[in-house]
PDB file of N, CA and C in Angstrom:
ATOM      1  N   LEU A   1      26.760  13.790   7.297  1.00  0.00           N
ATOM      2  CA  LEU A   1      26.549  13.204   8.455  1.00  0.00           C
ATOM      3  C   LEU A   1      28.049  13.113   9.010  1.00  0.00           C
ATOM      4  N   ALA A   2      28.108  13.751   9.999  1.00  0.00           N
ATOM      5  CA  ALA A   2      29.373  13.735  10.831  1.00  0.00           C
ATOM      6  C   ALA A   2      29.389  13.605  12.197  1.00  0.00           C
ATOM      7  N   GLY A   3      30.423  13.141  12.860  1.00  0.00           N
ATOM      8  CA  GLY A   3      30.502  13.046  14.251  1.00  0.00           C
ATOM      9  C   GLY A   3      31.707  12.496  14.649  1.00  0.00           C
ATOM     10  N   MET A   4      32.128  12.660  15.837  1.00  0.00           N
ATOM     11  CA  MET A   4      33.326  11.938  16.419  1.00  0.00           C
ATOM     12  C   MET A   4      34.441  12.202  15.647  1.00  0.00           C
ATOM     13  N   ASN A   5      34.685  13.437  15.187  1.00  0.00           N
ATOM     14  CA  ASN A   5      35.734  13.705  14.386  1.00  0.00           C
ATOM     15  C   ASN A   5      36.000  13.052  13.118  1.00  0.00           C
ATOM     16  N   GLU A   6      34.935  12.659  12.561  1.00  0.00           N
ATOM     17  CA  GLU A   6      35.083  11.999  11.233  1.00  0.00           C
ATOM     18  C   GLU A   6      33.751  12.330  10.335  1.00  0.00           C
ATOM     19  N   VAL A   7      33.913  12.361   9.148  1.00  0.00           N
ATOM     20  CA  VAL A   7      32.845  12.407   8.225  1.00  0.00           C
ATOM     21  C   VAL A   7      32.609  11.112   7.647  1.00  0.00           C
ATOM     22  N   LEU A   8      31.259  10.756   7.866  1.00  0.00           N
ATOM     23  CA  LEU A   8      30.838   9.416   7.513  1.00  0.00           C
ATOM     24  C   LEU A   8      30.110   9.424   6.168  1.00  0.00           C
ATOM     25  N   VAL A   9      29.455  10.381   5.934  1.00  0.00           N
ATOM     26  CA  VAL A   9      28.790  10.384   4.628  1.00  0.00           C
ATOM     27  C   VAL A   9      29.008  11.806   4.206  1.00  0.00           C
ATOM     28  N   LYS A  10      29.556  12.110   2.893  1.00  0.00           N
ATOM     29  CA  LYS A  10      29.911  13.317   2.476  1.00  0.00           C
ATOM     30  C   LYS A  10      28.732  14.006   1.815  1.00  0.00           C
ATOM     31  N   ASP A  11      28.069  13.228   1.090  1.00  0.00           N
ATOM     32  CA  ASP A  11      26.913  13.853   0.368  1.00  0.00           C
ATOM     33  C   ASP A  11      25.627  12.582   0.027  1.00  0.00           C
ATOM     34  N   THR A  12      24.657  12.891   0.837  1.00  0.00           N
ATOM     35  CA  THR A  12      23.613  12.068   0.816  1.00  0.00           C
ATOM     36  C   THR A  12      22.488  12.276  -0.414  1.00  0.00           C
ATOM     37  N   LYS A  13      22.546  13.172  -1.179  1.00  0.00           N
ATOM     38  CA  LYS A  13      21.671  13.428  -2.157  1.00  0.00           C
ATOM     39  C   LYS A  13      21.669  12.355  -3.293  1.00  0.00           C
ATOM     40  N   GLU A  14      22.637  11.590  -3.556  1.00  0.00           N
ATOM     41  CA  GLU A  14      22.750  10.665  -4.658  1.00  0.00           C
ATOM     42  C   GLU A  14      22.688   9.288  -4.183  1.00  0.00           C
ATOM     43  N   GLN A  15      22.468   8.975  -2.813  1.00  0.00           N
ATOM     44  CA  GLN A  15      22.675   7.659  -2.354  1.00  0.00           C
ATOM     45  C   GLN A  15      21.749   7.537  -1.079  1.00  0.00           C
ATOM     46  N   TRP A  16      21.273   6.288  -0.905  1.00  0.00           N
ATOM     47  CA  TRP A  16      20.512   6.101   0.386  1.00  0.00           C
ATOM     48  C   TRP A  16      21.461   5.964   1.487  1.00  0.00           C
ATOM     49  N   THR A  17      21.224   6.612   2.589  1.00  0.00           N
ATOM     50  CA  THR A  17      22.079   6.499   3.836  1.00  0.00           C
ATOM     51  C   THR A  17      21.304   5.469   4.852  1.00  0.00           C
ATOM     52  N   LYS A  18      21.928   4.447   5.115  1.00  0.00           N
ATOM     53  CA  LYS A  18      21.391   3.445   6.096  1.00  0.00           C
ATOM     54  C   LYS A  18      21.717   3.873   7.564  1.00  0.00           C
ATOM     55  N   LEU A  19      20.554   4.092   8.338  1.00  0.00           N
ATOM     56  CA  LEU A  19      20.705   4.454   9.791  1.00  0.00           C
ATOM     57  C   LEU A  19      20.066   3.368  10.654  1.00  0.00           C
ATOM     58  N   ARG A  20      20.720   2.949  11.653  1.00  0.00           N
ATOM     59  CA  ARG A  20      20.257   1.942  12.443  1.00  0.00           C
ATOM     60  C   ARG A  20      20.401   2.432  13.932  1.00  0.00           C
ATOM     61  N   PHE A  21      19.425   2.380  14.807  1.00  0.00           N
ATOM     62  CA  PHE A  21      19.418   2.889  16.122  1.00  0.00           C
ATOM     63  C   PHE A  21      19.195   1.658  16.965  1.00  0.00           C
ATOM     64  N   ASP A  22      20.016   1.326  17.998  1.00  0.00           N
ATOM     65  CA  ASP A  22      19.799   0.059  19.027  1.00  0.00           C
ATOM     66  C   ASP A  22      19.826   0.835  20.131  1.00  0.00           C
ATOM     67  N   ILE A  23      18.554   0.623  20.911  1.00  0.00           N
ATOM     68  CA  ILE A  23      18.298   1.334  22.128  1.00  0.00           C
ATOM     69  C   ILE A  23      17.825   0.206  23.024  1.00  0.00           C
ATOM     70  N   PHE A  24      18.631  -0.134  24.040  1.00  0.00           N
ATOM     71  CA  PHE A  24      18.318  -1.271  25.094  1.00  0.00           C
ATOM     72  C   PHE A  24      18.574  -0.663  26.423  1.00  0.00           C
ATOM     73  N   ASP A  25      17.684  -0.534  27.258  1.00  0.00           N
ATOM     74  CA  ASP A  25      17.720   0.040  28.531  1.00  0.00           C
ATOM     75  C   ASP A  25      18.497   1.385  28.462  1.00  0.00           C
ATOM     76  N   THR A  26      19.633   1.510  29.035  1.00  0.00           N
ATOM     77  CA  THR A  26      20.394   2.731  28.912  1.00  0.00           C
ATOM     78  C   THR A  26      21.502   2.842  27.724  1.00  0.00           C
ATOM     79  N   ASN A  27      21.622   1.777  26.960  1.00  0.00           N
ATOM     80  CA  ASN A  27      22.547   1.662  25.905  1.00  0.00           C
ATOM     81  C   ASN A  27      21.923   2.210  24.746  1.00  0.00           C
ATOM     82  N   ILE A  28      22.756   3.120  24.058  1.00  0.00           N
ATOM     83  CA  ILE A  28      22.391   3.871  22.716  1.00  0.00           C
ATOM     84  C   ILE A  28      23.317   3.656  21.890  1.00  0.00           C
ATOM     85  N   ARG A  29      23.150   2.943  20.661  1.00  0.00           N
ATOM     86  CA  ARG A  29      24.066   2.683  19.639  1.00  0.00           C
ATOM     87  C   ARG A  29      23.552   3.087  18.233  1.00  0.00           C
ATOM     88  N   ILE A  30      24.267   3.921  17.653  1.00  0.00           N
ATOM     89  CA  ILE A  30      23.685   4.530  16.318  1.00  0.00           C
ATOM     90  C   ILE A  30      24.622   4.118  15.268  1.00  0.00           C
ATOM     91  N   TRP A  31      24.275   3.404  14.188  1.00  0.00           N
ATOM     92  CA  TRP A  31      25.105   2.960  13.128  1.00  0.00           C
ATOM     93  C   TRP A  31      24.719   3.575  11.703  1.00  0.00           C
ATOM     94  N   VAL A  32      25.722   4.162  11.013  1.00  0.00           N
ATOM     95  CA  VAL A  32      25.606   4.743   9.717  1.00  0.00           C
ATOM     96  C   VAL A  32      26.271   3.940   8.685  1.00  0.00           C
ATOM     97  N   ASN A  33      25.480   3.608   7.763  1.00  0.00           N
ATOM     98  CA  ASN A  33      26.090   2.576   6.789  1.00  0.00           C
ATOM     99  C   ASN A  33      26.903   1.529   7.214  1.00  0.00           C
ATOM    100  N   ASP A  34      26.297   0.821   8.454  1.00  0.00           N
ATOM    101  CA  ASP A  34      26.878  -0.243   9.004  1.00  0.00           C
ATOM    102  C   ASP A  34      28.126  -0.054   9.737  1.00  0.00           C
ATOM    103  N   HIS A  35      28.339   1.315   9.959  1.00  0.00           N
ATOM    104  CA  HIS A  35      29.555   1.638  10.833  1.00  0.00           C
ATOM    105  C   HIS A  35      29.199   2.361  12.252  1.00  0.00           C
ATOM    106  N   LEU A  36      29.770   1.830  13.250  1.00  0.00           N
ATOM    107  CA  LEU A  36      29.286   2.395  14.518  1.00  0.00           C
ATOM    108  C   LEU A  36      29.545   3.776  14.594  1.00  0.00           C
ATOM    109  N   HIS A  37      28.606   4.760  14.685  1.00  0.00           N
ATOM    110  CA  HIS A  37      28.737   6.084  14.960  1.00  0.00           C
ATOM    111  C   HIS A  37      28.764   6.762  16.362  1.00  0.00           C
ATOM    112  N   ILE A  38      27.773   6.216  17.125  1.00  0.00           N
ATOM    113  CA  ILE A  38      27.498   6.782  18.577  1.00  0.00           C
ATOM    114  C   ILE A  38      27.451   5.456  19.504  1.00  0.00           C
ATOM    115  N   ASN A  39      28.037   5.387  20.504  1.00  0.00           N
ATOM    116  CA  ASN A  39      27.996   4.281  21.450  1.00  0.00           C
ATOM    117  C   ASN A  39      27.978   5.039  22.860  1.00  0.00           C
ATOM    118  N   ARG A  40      26.711   5.188  23.354  1.00  0.00           N
ATOM    119  CA  ARG A  40      26.649   5.853  24.767  1.00  0.00           C
ATOM    120  C   ARG A  40      25.713   5.156  25.610  1.00  0.00           C
ATOM    121  N   ILE A  41      25.955   5.539  27.037  1.00  0.00           N
ATOM    122  CA  ILE A  41      25.050   5.034  28.070  1.00  0.00           C
ATOM    123  C   ILE A  41      24.301   6.411  28.369  1.00  0.00           C
ATOM    124  N   ASP A  42      22.969   6.434  28.363  1.00  0.00           N
ATOM    125  CA  ASP A  42      22.227   7.586  28.854  1.00  0.00           C
ATOM    126  C   ASP A  42      20.969   7.298  29.500  1.00  0.00           C
ATOM    127  N   THR A  43      20.776   7.537  30.890  1.00  0.00           N
ATOM    128  CA  THR A  43      19.661   7.250  31.719  1.00  0.00           C
ATOM    129  C   THR A  43      18.401   7.989  31.550  1.00  0.00           C
ATOM    130  N   ARG A  44      18.532   8.917  30.686  1.00  0.00           N
ATOM    131  CA  ARG A  44      17.285  10.003  30.497  1.00  0.00           C
ATOM    132  C   ARG A  44      16.221   9.354  29.692  1.00  0.00           C
ATOM    133  N   PHE A  45      16.418   8.311  29.018  1.00  0.00           N
ATOM    134  CA  PHE A  45      15.473   7.955  28.019  1.00  0.00           C
ATOM    135  C   PHE A  45      14.970   6.402  28.474  1.00  0.00           C
ATOM    136  N   ARG A  46      14.877   6.032  29.630  1.00  0.00           N
ATOM    137  CA  ARG A  46      14.633   4.942  29.976  1.00  0.00           C
ATOM    138  C   ARG A  46      13.033   4.387  30.046  1.00  0.00           C
ATOM    139  N   ASP A  47      12.261   5.438  30.257  1.00  0.00           N
ATOM    140  CA  ASP A  47      10.840   5.254  30.218  1.00  0.00           C
ATOM    141  C   ASP A  47      10.192   4.885  28.929  1.00  0.00           C
ATOM    142  N   LYS A  48       8.999   4.362  28.795  1.00  0.00           N
ATOM    143  CA  LYS A  48       8.231   4.301  27.440  1.00  0.00           C
ATOM    144  C   LYS A  48       7.951   5.664  26.933  1.00  0.00           C
ATOM    145  N   GLY A  49       7.989   5.879  25.709  1.00  0.00           N
ATOM    146  CA  GLY A  49       7.641   7.059  24.901  1.00  0.00           C
ATOM    147  C   GLY A  49       7.324   6.927  23.665  1.00  0.00           C
ATOM    148  N   LEU A  50       7.487   7.977  22.938  1.00  0.00           N
ATOM    149  CA  LEU A  50       7.262   8.110  21.367  1.00  0.00           C
ATOM    150  C   LEU A  50       8.599   8.099  20.691  1.00  0.00           C
ATOM    151  N   VAL A  51       8.475   7.738  19.371  1.00  0.00           N
ATOM    152  CA  VAL A  51       9.556   7.904  18.585  1.00  0.00           C
ATOM    153  C   VAL A  51       9.398   9.053  17.646  1.00  0.00           C
ATOM    154  N   TYR A  52      10.341  10.023  17.736  1.00  0.00           N
ATOM    155  CA  TYR A  52      10.357  11.195  16.916  1.00  0.00           C
ATOM    156  C   TYR A  52      11.616  11.365  15.982  1.00  0.00           C
ATOM    157  N   LEU A  53      11.181  11.483  14.672  1.00  0.00           N
ATOM    158  CA  LEU A  53      12.264  11.615  13.680  1.00  0.00           C
ATOM    159  C   LEU A  53      12.357  13.136  13.325  1.00  0.00           C
ATOM    160  N   HIS A  54      13.565  13.527  13.262  1.00  0.00           N
ATOM    161  CA  HIS A  54      13.797  14.960  12.899  1.00  0.00           C
ATOM    162  C   HIS A  54      14.996  15.040  11.993  1.00  0.00           C
ATOM    163  N   SER A  55      14.776  15.982  10.931  1.00  0.00           N
ATOM    164  CA  SER A  55      15.899  16.033  10.043  1.00  0.00           C
ATOM    165  C   SER A  55      16.685  17.251  10.091  1.00  0.00           C
ATOM    166  N   PHE A  56      16.510  18.122  11.107  1.00  0.00           N
ATOM    167  CA  PHE A  56      17.142  19.302  11.177  1.00  0.00           C
ATOM    168  C   PHE A  56      17.067  20.169   9.967  1.00  0.00           C
ATOM    169  N   GLY A  57      15.848  20.441   9.440  1.00  0.00           N
ATOM    170  CA  GLY A  57      15.570  21.312   8.210  1.00  0.00           C
ATOM    171  C   GLY A  57      15.992  20.806   6.924  1.00  0.00           C
ATOM    172  N   THR A  58      16.422  19.661   6.850  1.00  0.00           N
ATOM    173  CA  THR A  58      16.741  19.001   5.464  1.00  0.00           C
ATOM    174  C   THR A  58      15.665  17.976   4.965  1.00  0.00           C
ATOM    175  N   HIS A  59      15.316  17.984   3.664  1.00  0.00           N
ATOM    176  CA  HIS A  59      14.414  17.128   3.164  1.00  0.00           C
ATOM    177  C   HIS A  59      14.741  15.618   3.138  1.00  0.00           C
ATOM    178  N   VAL A  60      14.073  14.708   3.679  1.00  0.00           N
ATOM    179  CA  VAL A  60      14.496  13.498   3.844  1.00  0.00           C
ATOM    180  C   VAL A  60      13.298  12.449   3.375  1.00  0.00           C
ATOM    181  N   GLN A  61      13.683  11.254   2.801  1.00  0.00           N
ATOM    182  CA  GLN A  61      12.613  10.258   2.445  1.00  0.00           C
ATOM    183  C   GLN A  61      13.068   9.038   3.441  1.00  0.00           C
ATOM    184  N   ILE A  62      12.110   8.315   4.053  1.00  0.00           N
ATOM    185  CA  ILE A  62      12.181   7.334   4.919  1.00  0.00           C
ATOM    186  C   ILE A  62      11.631   6.104   4.288  1.00  0.00           C
ATOM    187  N   ARG A  63      12.382   4.982   4.194  1.00  0.00           N
ATOM    188  CA  ARG A  63      11.781   3.660   3.838  1.00  0.00           C
ATOM    189  C   ARG A  63      12.307   2.704   4.771  1.00  0.00           C
ATOM    190  N   ASP A  64      11.392   1.584   4.729  1.00  0.00           N
ATOM    191  CA  ASP A  64      11.792   0.584   5.605  1.00  0.00           C
ATOM    192  C   ASP A  64      11.909   0.865   7.017  1.00  0.00           C
ATOM    193  N   PHE A  65      11.141   1.598   7.603  1.00  0.00           N
ATOM    194  CA  PHE A  65      11.039   1.970   8.983  1.00  0.00           C
ATOM    195  C   PHE A  65      10.368   0.965   9.906  1.00  0.00           C
ATOM    196  N   ALA A  66      11.065   0.602  10.958  1.00  0.00           N
ATOM    197  CA  ALA A  66      10.496  -0.416  11.852  1.00  0.00           C
ATOM    198  C   ALA A  66      10.854  -0.269  13.227  1.00  0.00           C
ATOM    199  N   VAL A  67      10.043  -0.616  14.287  1.00  0.00           N
ATOM    200  CA  VAL A  67      10.497  -0.464  15.686  1.00  0.00           C
ATOM    201  C   VAL A  67      10.207  -1.778  16.280  1.00  0.00           C
ATOM    202  N   TYR A  68      11.028  -2.360  16.877  1.00  0.00           N
ATOM    203  CA  TYR A  68      10.991  -3.668  17.652  1.00  0.00           C
ATOM    204  C   TYR A  68      11.003  -3.460  19.201  1.00  0.00           C
ATOM    205  N   ARG A  69      10.134  -4.170  19.896  1.00  0.00           N
ATOM    206  CA  ARG A  69      10.360  -4.159  21.233  1.00  0.00           C
ATOM    207  C   ARG A  69      10.575  -5.584  21.712  1.00  0.00           C
ATOM    208  N   PHE A  70      11.827  -5.533  22.535  1.00  0.00           N
ATOM    209  CA  PHE A  70      12.200  -7.079  23.084  1.00  0.00           C
ATOM    210  C   PHE A  70      11.603  -7.073  24.463  1.00  0.00           C
ATOM    211  N   ILE A  71      11.006  -8.168  24.713  1.00  0.00           N
ATOM    212  CA  ILE A  71      10.319  -8.560  26.049  1.00  0.00           C
ATOM    213  C   ILE A  71      11.447  -9.531  26.837  1.00  0.00           C
ATOM    214  N   LEU A  72      11.945  -9.200  27.851  1.00  0.00           N
ATOM    215  CA  LEU A  72      12.905 -10.327  28.503  1.00  0.00           C
ATOM    216  C   LEU A  72      12.105 -10.670  29.757  1.00  0.00           C
TER     217      LEU A  72
END
């Protein structure tokens, strides 16, 4: 996993990689192993919709997947 000019995880085959996605209104934050990886504002995903997980051709295992909806 890499981005923003740095490699966050060199090899994910021997260890679990913790991903956290915080999406609130137009704010999108993605955390990799408790380090902020992406912090963006994007208005294209404001409406209700589906959650789609895609691994770009890599075999993955997912555990402890949860979606929370906050009502204000």
